[in-house]
Amino acid sequence: MRVISGKYKGRRLVAPENYDIRPTTDKVKESIFSTVQQEVDGGVVLDLFSGTGALGIEALSRGAKKVYFCDCSPKSLDLLVKNLSFCDKKEYELYKGDYADCIRLLSSRGVKCDVILCDPPYASGLTAKAMEKIEKGGLLKEDGVLISERLTDNGETPSPCYVCADTKKFGKVSYDVFRNYKKCVLTGTFDPFTEGHAFLVKKALESFDFVYICILVNPDKEATYSVEKREKLIRMSLGEYKKRIRIEFYDGMTVDYCKMRGIKYIIRGVRNEKDAAYEKEMAEY
């Protein structure tokens, strides 16, 4: 194990003697930092479930202003302390404890991370739980990046609040790139989806990075088209924007959907003064 690039390039890191601790391979590490180098340089990084600290130390080497390390395993912490011995203590903080407590502490201090590296034990389910706590605490900056390493066969890590912008595969191991995009939602039954709806989405994409299109249920109206047909029509209408939209069906209230997805902005169309008055009243409510 070694530092690949930057001011600590070539430095050897103490490796685990067994497979209880699983360090990221150099090949995967190089790919990760090719993806996030812009955010790392001069940025704030959280190395969650640090293990040997290889990822966070690589971030320090590549110009991160501050790196927070977190792990609760005594074996990992022993390796981590040894590996940090050549790093500038002013550039990092080490949290010895549970990931949830670390997230809560950093959030309470107003820390905002440009990059969060999340590499818990495979198949533990901790990444999704960590992301929920990170979003709730506002720990990841808008436009920040969260990297989640996993087994390829496990499929994409589900995230209720961040958009998976890319996935990189390396045989049995993959990592997902989640971005905290500036996002909004357009809601409605879309029965059918019209040119007016498409216009609203296109206008929203001028101000937002990502638009959620949420198909809702109107219990007082019998649907003309199935949800599947409505979704297909939306995809056909907005094909050129497919990487910047997500279409979902939800049978609850808009406000609950927004809370679930971490969305702060709702896009609405206004056709006349009556519509404008209604939307103003709803916004104030």
C-alpha atoms as a PDB file:
ATOM      1  CA  MET A   1       0.000   0.000   0.000  1.00  0.00           C
ATOM      2  CA  ARG A   2       1.283   3.428  -0.942  1.00  0.00           C
ATOM      3  CA  VAL A   3       0.251   7.009  -1.608  1.00  0.00           C
ATOM      4  CA  ILE A   4      -0.192   7.357  -5.378  1.00  0.00           C
ATOM      5  CA  SER A   5       0.157  11.079  -6.030  1.00  0.00           C
ATOM      6  CA  GLY A   6       0.775  14.473  -4.451  1.00  0.00           C
ATOM      7  CA  LYS A   7       3.071  15.711  -1.705  1.00  0.00           C
ATOM      8  CA  TYR A   8       3.197  12.304   0.012  1.00  0.00           C
ATOM      9  CA  LYS A   9       3.628  10.349  -3.230  1.00  0.00           C
ATOM     10  CA  GLY A  10       5.414   7.041  -2.742  1.00  0.00           C
ATOM     11  CA  ARG A  11       4.938   6.942   1.028  1.00  0.00           C
ATOM     12  CA  ARG A  12       4.306   3.407   2.221  1.00  0.00           C
ATOM     13  CA  LEU A  13       1.249   2.743   4.373  1.00  0.00           C
ATOM     14  CA  VAL A  14       0.977   0.043   7.015  1.00  0.00           C
ATOM     15  CA  ALA A  15      -1.249  -2.704   5.603  1.00  0.00           C
ATOM     16  CA  PRO A  16      -3.512  -5.078   7.543  1.00  0.00           C
ATOM     17  CA  GLU A  17      -2.217  -8.584   8.203  1.00  0.00           C
ATOM     18  CA  ASN A  18      -5.592 -10.205   7.523  1.00  0.00           C
ATOM     19  CA  TYR A  19      -8.785  -9.568   5.569  1.00  0.00           C
ATOM     20  CA  ASP A  20     -10.818  -8.198   8.490  1.00  0.00           C
ATOM     21  CA  ILE A  21      -9.777  -4.769   7.184  1.00  0.00           C
ATOM     22  CA  ARG A  22     -10.127  -4.340   3.415  1.00  0.00           C
ATOM     23  CA  PRO A  23      -8.045  -1.511   1.925  1.00  0.00           C
ATOM     24  CA  THR A  24      -9.030  -0.016  -1.431  1.00  0.00           C
ATOM     25  CA  THR A  25      -6.744  -1.207  -4.244  1.00  0.00           C
ATOM     26  CA  ASP A  26      -4.441   1.278  -5.986  1.00  0.00           C
ATOM     27  CA  LYS A  27      -6.349   0.849  -9.250  1.00  0.00           C
ATOM     28  CA  VAL A  28      -9.694   1.729  -7.679  1.00  0.00           C
ATOM     29  CA  LYS A  29      -8.119   4.525  -5.621  1.00  0.00           C
ATOM     30  CA  GLU A  30      -6.570   6.109  -8.719  1.00  0.00           C
ATOM     31  CA  SER A  31      -9.955   6.039 -10.475  1.00  0.00           C
ATOM     32  CA  ILE A  32     -11.750   7.559  -7.473  1.00  0.00           C
ATOM     33  CA  PHE A  33      -9.357  10.487  -7.276  1.00  0.00           C
ATOM     34  CA  SER A  34      -9.473  11.060 -11.020  1.00  0.00           C
ATOM     35  CA  THR A  35     -13.218  11.527 -10.484  1.00  0.00           C
ATOM     36  CA  VAL A  36     -13.056  13.860  -7.467  1.00  0.00           C
ATOM     37  CA  GLN A  37      -9.697  15.640  -7.840  1.00  0.00           C
ATOM     38  CA  GLN A  38     -11.339  18.987  -8.610  1.00  0.00           C
ATOM     39  CA  GLU A  39     -13.382  18.832  -5.399  1.00  0.00           C
ATOM     40  CA  VAL A  40     -10.506  17.435  -3.290  1.00  0.00           C
ATOM     41  CA  ASP A  41      -7.951  20.129  -4.148  1.00  0.00           C
ATOM     42  CA  GLY A  42      -8.436  22.820  -1.494  1.00  0.00           C
ATOM     43  CA  GLY A  43     -11.583  21.114  -0.248  1.00  0.00           C
ATOM     44  CA  VAL A  44     -12.930  19.462   2.911  1.00  0.00           C
ATOM     45  CA  VAL A  45     -13.063  15.655   2.882  1.00  0.00           C
ATOM     46  CA  LEU A  46     -14.640  13.089   5.206  1.00  0.00           C
ATOM     47  CA  ASP A  47     -13.156   9.577   5.132  1.00  0.00           C
ATOM     48  CA  LEU A  48     -15.969   7.616   6.754  1.00  0.00           C
ATOM     49  CA  PHE A  49     -15.209   4.018   7.845  1.00  0.00           C
ATOM     50  CA  SER A  50     -11.554   4.958   7.294  1.00  0.00           C
ATOM     51  CA  GLY A  51      -9.915   1.561   7.852  1.00  0.00           C
ATOM     52  CA  THR A  52      -6.223   2.113   7.106  1.00  0.00           C
ATOM     53  CA  GLY A  53      -6.907   5.735   6.148  1.00  0.00           C
ATOM     54  CA  ALA A  54      -5.561   5.183   2.628  1.00  0.00           C
ATOM     55  CA  LEU A  55      -8.304   7.215   0.936  1.00  0.00           C
ATOM     56  CA  GLY A  56      -8.194  10.158   3.326  1.00  0.00           C
ATOM     57  CA  ILE A  57      -4.389  10.274   3.283  1.00  0.00           C
ATOM     58  CA  GLU A  58      -4.486  10.260  -0.527  1.00  0.00           C
ATOM     59  CA  ALA A  59      -6.840  13.250  -0.300  1.00  0.00           C
ATOM     60  CA  LEU A  60      -4.397  15.067   2.006  1.00  0.00           C
ATOM     61  CA  SER A  61      -1.554  14.306  -0.378  1.00  0.00           C
ATOM     62  CA  ARG A  62      -3.546  15.716  -3.300  1.00  0.00           C
ATOM     63  CA  GLY A  63      -4.215  19.063  -1.674  1.00  0.00           C
ATOM     64  CA  ALA A  64      -7.271  18.713   0.576  1.00  0.00           C
ATOM     65  CA  LYS A  65      -7.499  21.593   3.040  1.00  0.00           C
ATOM     66  CA  LYS A  66      -8.919  19.382   5.790  1.00  0.00           C
ATOM     67  CA  VAL A  67      -9.665  15.668   6.113  1.00  0.00           C
ATOM     68  CA  TYR A  68     -11.811  14.107   8.833  1.00  0.00           C
ATOM     69  CA  PHE A  69     -11.170  10.423   9.561  1.00  0.00           C
ATOM     70  CA  CYS A  70     -13.685   8.198  11.342  1.00  0.00           C
ATOM     71  CA  ASP A  71     -13.565   4.569  12.463  1.00  0.00           C
ATOM     72  CA  CYS A  72     -14.572   2.592  15.529  1.00  0.00           C
ATOM     73  CA  SER A  73     -12.557  -0.608  15.042  1.00  0.00           C
ATOM     74  CA  PRO A  74      -9.529  -0.850  17.391  1.00  0.00           C
ATOM     75  CA  LYS A  75      -7.570  -2.705  14.681  1.00  0.00           C
ATOM     76  CA  SER A  76      -8.345  -0.040  12.098  1.00  0.00           C
ATOM     77  CA  LEU A  77      -7.550   2.792  14.491  1.00  0.00           C
ATOM     78  CA  ASP A  78      -4.174   1.254  15.322  1.00  0.00           C
ATOM     79  CA  LEU A  79      -3.255   1.173  11.608  1.00  0.00           C
ATOM     80  CA  LEU A  80      -4.762   4.605  11.008  1.00  0.00           C
ATOM     81  CA  VAL A  81      -2.710   6.287  13.738  1.00  0.00           C
ATOM     82  CA  LYS A  82       0.478   4.716  12.361  1.00  0.00           C
ATOM     83  CA  ASN A  83      -0.328   5.773   8.794  1.00  0.00           C
ATOM     84  CA  LEU A  84      -1.088   9.345   9.832  1.00  0.00           C
ATOM     85  CA  SER A  85       2.283   9.707  11.551  1.00  0.00           C
ATOM     86  CA  PHE A  86       3.848  11.564   8.599  1.00  0.00           C
ATOM     87  CA  CYS A  87       0.850  13.856   7.980  1.00  0.00           C
ATOM     88  CA  ASP A  88       0.488  17.422   9.249  1.00  0.00           C
ATOM     89  CA  LYS A  89      -1.754  17.270  12.335  1.00  0.00           C
ATOM     90  CA  LYS A  90      -3.237  20.678  11.484  1.00  0.00           C
ATOM     91  CA  GLU A  91      -4.679  19.234   8.268  1.00  0.00           C
ATOM     92  CA  TYR A  92      -6.713  16.394   9.749  1.00  0.00           C
ATOM     93  CA  GLU A  93      -8.921  15.305  12.652  1.00  0.00           C
ATOM     94  CA  LEU A  94      -9.408  11.722  13.780  1.00  0.00           C
ATOM     95  CA  TYR A  95     -12.749  10.685  15.281  1.00  0.00           C
ATOM     96  CA  LYS A  96     -12.587   7.412  17.222  1.00  0.00           C
ATOM     97  CA  GLY A  97     -16.159   6.230  17.421  1.00  0.00           C
ATOM     98  CA  ASP A  98     -19.400   5.355  15.678  1.00  0.00           C
ATOM     99  CA  TYR A  99     -20.047   6.823  12.218  1.00  0.00           C
ATOM    100  CA  ALA A 100     -23.467   8.188  13.226  1.00  0.00           C
ATOM    101  CA  ASP A 101     -21.970  10.097  16.169  1.00  0.00           C
ATOM    102  CA  CYS A 102     -19.250  11.478  13.899  1.00  0.00           C
ATOM    103  CA  ILE A 103     -21.794  12.714  11.349  1.00  0.00           C
ATOM    104  CA  ARG A 104     -23.885  14.285  14.109  1.00  0.00           C
ATOM    105  CA  LEU A 105     -20.835  15.993  15.655  1.00  0.00           C
ATOM    106  CA  LEU A 106     -19.524  17.426  12.380  1.00  0.00           C
ATOM    107  CA  SER A 107     -23.004  18.600  11.381  1.00  0.00           C
ATOM    108  CA  SER A 108     -23.461  20.353  14.740  1.00  0.00           C
ATOM    109  CA  ARG A 109     -20.168  22.175  14.143  1.00  0.00           C
ATOM    110  CA  GLY A 110     -21.387  23.422  10.771  1.00  0.00           C
ATOM    111  CA  VAL A 111     -18.824  21.421   8.780  1.00  0.00           C
ATOM    112  CA  LYS A 112     -19.558  21.241   5.030  1.00  0.00           C
ATOM    113  CA  CYS A 113     -17.755  18.570   3.013  1.00  0.00           C
ATOM    114  CA  ASP A 114     -16.795  18.808  -0.642  1.00  0.00           C
ATOM    115  CA  VAL A 115     -16.177  15.051  -0.768  1.00  0.00           C
ATOM    116  CA  ILE A 116     -17.328  12.175   1.432  1.00  0.00           C
ATOM    117  CA  LEU A 117     -15.623   8.802   0.966  1.00  0.00           C
ATOM    118  CA  CYS A 118     -17.888   6.051   2.270  1.00  0.00           C
ATOM    119  CA  ASP A 119     -16.398   2.554   2.359  1.00  0.00           C
ATOM    120  CA  PRO A 120     -18.018   0.449   5.105  1.00  0.00           C
ATOM    121  CA  PRO A 121     -17.838  -3.366   5.279  1.00  0.00           C
ATOM    122  CA  TYR A 122     -19.449  -4.818   2.162  1.00  0.00           C
ATOM    123  CA  ALA A 123     -23.128  -5.827   2.376  1.00  0.00           C
ATOM    124  CA  SER A 124     -23.450  -4.125   5.773  1.00  0.00           C
ATOM    125  CA  GLY A 125     -26.178  -1.732   4.615  1.00  0.00           C
ATOM    126  CA  LEU A 126     -24.341   1.095   6.376  1.00  0.00           C
ATOM    127  CA  THR A 127     -23.827   3.276   3.294  1.00  0.00           C
ATOM    128  CA  ALA A 128     -27.542   3.961   2.801  1.00  0.00           C
ATOM    129  CA  LYS A 129     -27.973   4.650   6.538  1.00  0.00           C
ATOM    130  CA  ALA A 130     -24.967   6.968   6.520  1.00  0.00           C
ATOM    131  CA  MET A 131     -26.297   8.882   3.501  1.00  0.00           C
ATOM    132  CA  GLU A 132     -29.618   9.501   5.242  1.00  0.00           C
ATOM    133  CA  LYS A 133     -27.821  10.950   8.269  1.00  0.00           C
ATOM    134  CA  ILE A 134     -25.456  12.992   6.067  1.00  0.00           C
ATOM    135  CA  GLU A 135     -28.399  14.516   4.179  1.00  0.00           C
ATOM    136  CA  LYS A 136     -30.348  15.197   7.376  1.00  0.00           C
ATOM    137  CA  GLY A 137     -27.336  16.971   8.896  1.00  0.00           C
ATOM    138  CA  GLY A 138     -26.552  18.922   5.718  1.00  0.00           C
ATOM    139  CA  LEU A 139     -22.964  17.648   5.873  1.00  0.00           C
ATOM    140  CA  LEU A 140     -22.401  17.417   2.102  1.00  0.00           C
ATOM    141  CA  LYS A 141     -22.127  20.717   0.245  1.00  0.00           C
ATOM    142  CA  GLU A 142     -24.468  21.489  -2.625  1.00  0.00           C
ATOM    143  CA  ASP A 143     -22.693  20.057  -5.694  1.00  0.00           C
ATOM    144  CA  GLY A 144     -20.564  17.950  -3.327  1.00  0.00           C
ATOM    145  CA  VAL A 145     -19.624  14.343  -4.146  1.00  0.00           C
ATOM    146  CA  LEU A 146     -20.114  11.148  -2.158  1.00  0.00           C
ATOM    147  CA  ILE A 147     -18.225   8.012  -3.222  1.00  0.00           C
ATOM    148  CA  SER A 148     -19.649   4.650  -2.177  1.00  0.00           C
ATOM    149  CA  GLU A 149     -17.530   1.520  -2.684  1.00  0.00           C
ATOM    150  CA  ARG A 150     -19.336  -1.838  -2.881  1.00  0.00           C
ATOM    151  CA  LEU A 151     -19.389  -5.319  -4.370  1.00  0.00           C
ATOM    152  CA  THR A 152     -20.427  -5.196  -8.034  1.00  0.00           C
ATOM    153  CA  ASP A 153     -22.981  -7.993  -7.567  1.00  0.00           C
ATOM    154  CA  ASN A 154     -24.806  -6.014  -4.861  1.00  0.00           C
ATOM    155  CA  GLY A 155     -26.008  -3.413  -7.384  1.00  0.00           C
ATOM    156  CA  GLU A 156     -26.182   0.360  -7.026  1.00  0.00           C
ATOM    157  CA  THR A 157     -26.395   1.649  -3.462  1.00  0.00           C
ATOM    158  CA  PRO A 158     -29.951   2.970  -2.958  1.00  0.00           C
ATOM    159  CA  SER A 159     -30.041   6.657  -2.034  1.00  0.00           C
ATOM    160  CA  PRO A 160     -33.235   8.563  -1.235  1.00  0.00           C
ATOM    161  CA  CYS A 161     -31.537  11.962  -1.307  1.00  0.00           C
ATOM    162  CA  TYR A 162     -28.582  12.023  -3.723  1.00  0.00           C
ATOM    163  CA  VAL A 163     -28.344  11.350  -7.459  1.00  0.00           C
ATOM    164  CA  CYS A 164     -26.095   8.534  -8.677  1.00  0.00           C
ATOM    165  CA  ALA A 165     -24.248  10.326 -11.482  1.00  0.00           C
ATOM    166  CA  ASP A 166     -21.909   7.480 -12.429  1.00  0.00           C
ATOM    167  CA  THR A 167     -20.745   3.968 -11.560  1.00  0.00           C
ATOM    168  CA  LYS A 168     -17.259   2.547 -12.115  1.00  0.00           C
ATOM    169  CA  LYS A 169     -16.726  -1.223 -12.175  1.00  0.00           C
ATOM    170  CA  PHE A 170     -13.492  -3.096 -11.446  1.00  0.00           C
ATOM    171  CA  GLY A 171     -14.371  -6.778 -11.570  1.00  0.00           C
ATOM    172  CA  LYS A 172     -15.899  -7.781  -8.252  1.00  0.00           C
ATOM    173  CA  VAL A 173     -15.628  -4.242  -6.860  1.00  0.00           C
ATOM    174  CA  SER A 174     -17.452  -1.089  -7.983  1.00  0.00           C
ATOM    175  CA  TYR A 175     -18.019   2.392  -6.689  1.00  0.00           C
ATOM    176  CA  ASP A 176     -20.967   4.741  -7.167  1.00  0.00           C
ATOM    177  CA  VAL A 177     -20.562   8.490  -7.588  1.00  0.00           C
ATOM    178  CA  PHE A 178     -23.370  10.400  -5.857  1.00  0.00           C
ATOM    179  CA  ARG A 179     -23.730  14.147  -6.338  1.00  0.00           C
ATOM    180  CA  ASN A 180     -25.658  16.572  -4.186  1.00  0.00           C
ATOM    181  CA  TYR A 181     -27.185  18.350  -7.145  1.00  0.00           C
ATOM    182  CA  LYS A 182     -29.283  21.470  -6.892  1.00  0.00           C
ATOM    183  CA  LYS A 183     -32.608  19.788  -7.520  1.00  0.00           C
ATOM    184  CA  CYS A 184     -36.336  20.419  -7.762  1.00  0.00           C
ATOM    185  CA  VAL A 185     -39.498  18.468  -8.437  1.00  0.00           C
ATOM    186  CA  LEU A 186     -42.412  18.794 -10.840  1.00  0.00           C
ATOM    187  CA  THR A 187     -45.450  16.951  -9.501  1.00  0.00           C
ATOM    188  CA  GLY A 188     -48.780  16.032 -11.037  1.00  0.00           C
ATOM    189  CA  THR A 189     -50.852  13.145 -12.318  1.00  0.00           C
ATOM    190  CA  PHE A 190     -49.541  13.804 -15.856  1.00  0.00           C
ATOM    191  CA  ASP A 191     -52.565  12.046 -17.317  1.00  0.00           C
ATOM    192  CA  PRO A 192     -51.385  12.735 -19.957  1.00  0.00           C
ATOM    193  CA  PHE A 193     -47.988  14.459 -19.939  1.00  0.00           C
ATOM    194  CA  THR A 194     -48.327  17.548 -22.152  1.00  0.00           C
ATOM    195  CA  GLU A 195     -46.097  19.987 -24.021  1.00  0.00           C
ATOM    196  CA  GLY A 196     -46.771  22.425 -21.187  1.00  0.00           C
ATOM    197  CA  HIS A 197     -45.326  19.973 -18.675  1.00  0.00           C
ATOM    198  CA  ALA A 198     -42.288  19.420 -20.900  1.00  0.00           C
ATOM    199  CA  PHE A 199     -41.808  23.201 -21.123  1.00  0.00           C
ATOM    200  CA  LEU A 200     -41.771  23.467 -17.312  1.00  0.00           C
ATOM    201  CA  VAL A 201     -39.125  20.751 -17.032  1.00  0.00           C
ATOM    202  CA  LYS A 202     -36.925  22.434 -19.642  1.00  0.00           C
ATOM    203  CA  LYS A 203     -37.250  25.809 -17.918  1.00  0.00           C
ATOM    204  CA  ALA A 204     -36.446  24.215 -14.559  1.00  0.00           C
ATOM    205  CA  LEU A 205     -33.267  22.700 -16.006  1.00  0.00           C
ATOM    206  CA  GLU A 206     -32.054  26.220 -16.776  1.00  0.00           C
ATOM    207  CA  SER A 207     -31.868  26.905 -13.021  1.00  0.00           C
ATOM    208  CA  PHE A 208     -31.399  23.432 -11.522  1.00  0.00           C
ATOM    209  CA  ASP A 209     -28.960  20.584 -12.114  1.00  0.00           C
ATOM    210  CA  PHE A 210     -31.585  17.862 -11.767  1.00  0.00           C
ATOM    211  CA  VAL A 211     -35.372  17.597 -11.974  1.00  0.00           C
ATOM    212  CA  TYR A 212     -37.488  14.909 -10.350  1.00  0.00           C
ATOM    213  CA  ILE A 213     -40.799  14.250 -12.115  1.00  0.00           C
ATOM    214  CA  CYS A 214     -43.178  12.749  -9.580  1.00  0.00           C
ATOM    215  CA  ILE A 215     -46.343  11.050 -10.844  1.00  0.00           C
ATOM    216  CA  LEU A 216     -48.992  11.444  -8.134  1.00  0.00           C
ATOM    217  CA  VAL A 217     -52.348   9.772  -7.529  1.00  0.00           C
ATOM    218  CA  ASN A 218     -55.654  11.646  -7.725  1.00  0.00           C
ATOM    219  CA  PRO A 219     -58.109   9.443  -5.760  1.00  0.00           C
ATOM    220  CA  ASP A 220     -61.075  11.477  -7.045  1.00  0.00           C
ATOM    221  CA  LYS A 221     -60.328  10.839 -10.710  1.00  0.00           C
ATOM    222  CA  GLU A 222     -60.208   7.644 -12.737  1.00  0.00           C
ATOM    223  CA  ALA A 223     -56.940   7.469 -14.638  1.00  0.00           C
ATOM    224  CA  THR A 224     -57.000   7.570 -18.440  1.00  0.00           C
ATOM    225  CA  TYR A 225     -53.515   6.116 -18.854  1.00  0.00           C
ATOM    226  CA  SER A 226     -51.632   3.623 -16.728  1.00  0.00           C
ATOM    227  CA  VAL A 227     -48.616   4.833 -14.753  1.00  0.00           C
ATOM    228  CA  GLU A 228     -46.392   2.817 -17.099  1.00  0.00           C
ATOM    229  CA  LYS A 229     -47.781   4.589 -20.186  1.00  0.00           C
ATOM    230  CA  ARG A 230     -47.452   7.999 -18.558  1.00  0.00           C
ATOM    231  CA  GLU A 231     -43.837   7.292 -17.639  1.00  0.00           C
ATOM    232  CA  LYS A 232     -43.094   6.101 -21.182  1.00  0.00           C
ATOM    233  CA  LEU A 233     -44.595   9.285 -22.650  1.00  0.00           C
ATOM    234  CA  ILE A 234     -42.502  11.447 -20.305  1.00  0.00           C
ATOM    235  CA  ARG A 235     -39.335   9.615 -21.339  1.00  0.00           C
ATOM    236  CA  MET A 236     -40.185  10.038 -25.016  1.00  0.00           C
ATOM    237  CA  SER A 237     -40.883  13.759 -24.553  1.00  0.00           C
ATOM    238  CA  LEU A 238     -37.672  14.433 -22.612  1.00  0.00           C
ATOM    239  CA  GLY A 239     -35.274  11.909 -24.113  1.00  0.00           C
ATOM    240  CA  GLU A 240     -32.489  14.430 -24.643  1.00  0.00           C
ATOM    241  CA  TYR A 241     -32.524  15.276 -20.913  1.00  0.00           C
ATOM    242  CA  LYS A 242     -32.583  11.688 -19.620  1.00  0.00           C
ATOM    243  CA  LYS A 243     -29.375  12.113 -17.586  1.00  0.00           C
ATOM    244  CA  ARG A 244     -30.820  15.093 -15.712  1.00  0.00           C
ATOM    245  CA  ILE A 245     -34.276  13.801 -14.806  1.00  0.00           C
ATOM    246  CA  ARG A 246     -35.729  11.026 -12.682  1.00  0.00           C
ATOM    247  CA  ILE A 247     -39.323   9.841 -13.047  1.00  0.00           C
ATOM    248  CA  GLU A 248     -41.001   8.278 -10.027  1.00  0.00           C
ATOM    249  CA  PHE A 249     -44.476   7.265  -8.876  1.00  0.00           C
ATOM    250  CA  TYR A 250     -45.638   8.287  -5.399  1.00  0.00           C
ATOM    251  CA  ASP A 251     -49.010   7.692  -3.747  1.00  0.00           C
ATOM    252  CA  GLY A 252     -48.548  10.111  -0.848  1.00  0.00           C
ATOM    253  CA  MET A 253     -48.408  13.875  -0.398  1.00  0.00           C
ATOM    254  CA  THR A 254     -45.985  16.124  -2.278  1.00  0.00           C
ATOM    255  CA  VAL A 255     -44.486  17.501   0.949  1.00  0.00           C
ATOM    256  CA  ASP A 256     -43.683  13.975   2.159  1.00  0.00           C
ATOM    257  CA  TYR A 257     -42.077  13.101  -1.164  1.00  0.00           C
ATOM    258  CA  CYS A 258     -39.902  16.213  -0.973  1.00  0.00           C
ATOM    259  CA  LYS A 259     -38.775  15.357   2.558  1.00  0.00           C
ATOM    260  CA  MET A 260     -37.921  11.822   1.457  1.00  0.00           C
ATOM    261  CA  ARG A 261     -35.808  13.076  -1.464  1.00  0.00           C
ATOM    262  CA  GLY A 262     -34.292  16.096   0.275  1.00  0.00           C
ATOM    263  CA  ILE A 263     -35.939  18.472  -2.228  1.00  0.00           C
ATOM    264  CA  LYS A 264     -36.520  22.115  -1.284  1.00  0.00           C
ATOM    265  CA  TYR A 265     -38.020  23.452  -4.521  1.00  0.00           C
ATOM    266  CA  ILE A 266     -41.310  22.583  -6.240  1.00  0.00           C
ATOM    267  CA  ILE A 267     -41.912  23.716  -9.822  1.00  0.00           C
ATOM    268  CA  ARG A 268     -45.448  24.824 -10.683  1.00  0.00           C
ATOM    269  CA  GLY A 269     -47.032  26.225 -13.814  1.00  0.00           C
ATOM    270  CA  VAL A 270     -49.135  29.404 -13.516  1.00  0.00           C
ATOM    271  CA  ARG A 271     -51.689  30.120 -16.251  1.00  0.00           C
ATOM    272  CA  ASN A 272     -53.576  33.074 -14.773  1.00  0.00           C
ATOM    273  CA  GLU A 273     -54.000  35.302 -11.706  1.00  0.00           C
ATOM    274  CA  LYS A 274     -56.210  32.751  -9.986  1.00  0.00           C
ATOM    275  CA  ASP A 275     -53.490  30.109 -10.344  1.00  0.00           C
ATOM    276  CA  ALA A 276     -50.897  32.585  -9.066  1.00  0.00           C
ATOM    277  CA  ALA A 277     -52.981  33.404  -5.983  1.00  0.00           C
ATOM    278  CA  TYR A 278     -53.510  29.711  -5.230  1.00  0.00           C
ATOM    279  CA  GLU A 279     -49.817  28.859  -5.604  1.00  0.00           C
ATOM    280  CA  LYS A 280     -48.848  31.813  -3.386  1.00  0.00           C
ATOM    281  CA  GLU A 281     -51.266  30.616  -0.712  1.00  0.00           C
ATOM    282  CA  MET A 282     -49.899  27.061  -0.899  1.00  0.00           C
ATOM    283  CA  ALA A 283     -46.286  28.275  -0.738  1.00  0.00           C
ATOM    284  CA  GLU A 284     -47.020  30.312   2.393  1.00  0.00           C
ATOM    285  CA  TYR A 285     -48.785  27.312   3.917  1.00  0.00           C
END
